[in-house]
Protein backbone atom coordinates (compact mmCIF):
# COMPACT_ATOMS: atom_id res chain seq x y z
CA MET A 1 0.00 0.00 0.00
CA SER A 2 1.53 3.30 -1.12
CA GLY A 3 -0.44 5.65 1.12
CA HIS A 4 -1.86 7.59 -1.83
CA GLY A 5 -5.52 8.34 -1.30
CA ALA A 6 -8.14 9.49 -3.77
CA SER A 7 -6.42 12.89 -3.79
CA GLY A 8 -3.21 11.35 -5.12
CA LEU A 9 -1.27 12.67 -2.12
CA ASP A 10 1.00 10.43 -0.07
CA TRP A 11 -0.43 11.46 3.32
CA PRO A 12 1.86 9.27 5.47
CA ALA A 13 4.95 10.75 3.81
CA LEU A 14 3.54 14.27 4.04
CA MET A 15 2.75 13.75 7.72
CA GLN A 16 6.31 12.56 8.39
CA VAL A 17 7.72 15.66 6.74
CA GLY A 18 5.24 17.93 8.49
CA LEU A 19 5.78 16.45 11.94
CA ARG A 20 9.46 15.51 11.81
CA VAL A 21 11.01 18.05 9.49
CA LEU A 22 8.75 21.08 9.90
CA GLY A 23 8.09 20.37 13.58
CA LEU A 24 4.33 20.77 13.29
CA ARG A 25 1.93 19.35 15.84
CA PRO A 26 -0.71 17.01 14.37
CA ALA A 27 -3.46 19.63 14.77
CA GLU A 28 -1.28 22.21 13.01
CA PHE A 29 -0.56 19.78 10.16
CA TRP A 30 -4.24 18.97 9.61
CA ALA A 31 -5.23 22.65 9.78
CA LEU A 32 -3.03 23.39 6.73
CA THR A 33 -4.42 23.41 3.23
CA PRO A 34 -2.46 21.45 0.63
CA ALA A 35 -1.37 24.80 -0.89
CA GLU A 36 -0.03 26.00 2.47
CA LEU A 37 1.85 22.75 2.98
CA ARG A 38 3.37 22.99 -0.50
CA LEU A 39 4.48 26.54 0.25
CA MET A 40 6.07 25.46 3.55
CA LEU A 41 7.90 22.69 1.71
CA GLY A 42 9.26 25.19 -0.81
CA GLU A 43 7.25 23.96 -3.76
CA GLY A 44 5.88 26.54 -6.14
CA ALA A 45 8.32 29.22 -5.03
CA GLN A 46 9.45 29.62 -8.63
CA ALA A 47 5.88 30.34 -9.71
CA THR A 48 5.97 33.66 -7.90
CA SER A 49 7.57 36.26 -10.11
CA VAL A 50 8.85 39.71 -9.32
CA LEU A 51 6.93 42.59 -10.81
CA SER A 52 9.00 43.85 -13.73
CA ARG A 53 9.21 47.51 -14.70
CA ALA A 54 7.45 46.72 -17.99
CA ARG A 55 4.54 45.08 -16.14
CA LEU A 56 4.38 48.01 -13.70
CA ASP A 57 4.18 50.41 -16.67
CA GLU A 58 1.35 48.32 -18.14
CA LEU A 59 -0.57 48.47 -14.87
CA LEU A 60 0.04 52.23 -14.52
CA ALA A 61 -1.31 52.77 -18.04
CA ALA A 62 -4.36 50.58 -17.38
CA TYR A 63 -5.10 52.10 -13.97
CA PRO A 64 -3.84 55.68 -13.92
CA ASP A 65 -3.98 57.75 -10.77
CA GLY A 66 -6.78 60.28 -10.89
CA GLU A 67 -7.60 63.39 -9.00
CA VAL A 68 -8.36 62.66 -5.38
CA ALA A 69 -11.66 64.18 -4.37
CA THR A 70 -11.53 66.05 -1.10
CA THR A 71 -14.56 65.98 1.13
CA GLY A 72 -13.48 68.43 3.80
CA GLY A 73 -12.52 65.69 6.22
CA GLU A 74 -10.54 66.16 9.40
CA ASN A 75 -7.15 66.04 7.61
CA GLU A 76 -7.66 69.37 5.82
């Protein structure tokens, strides 16, 4: 028996890593989502990219700053 459930995850192996390597308590392990566990294990770190200047310029063009309306609030 490989330990892979219907989800395709090897829960016994993941529990060993979570409890032994990450030092999680069982309740902490089971409170994690699979995405959180992957992040803690360092998976998917390459998927996060840094905002490039070109992408920032695209966003600035798509969402330009406008005039801020003043309402006579307490900061005036």
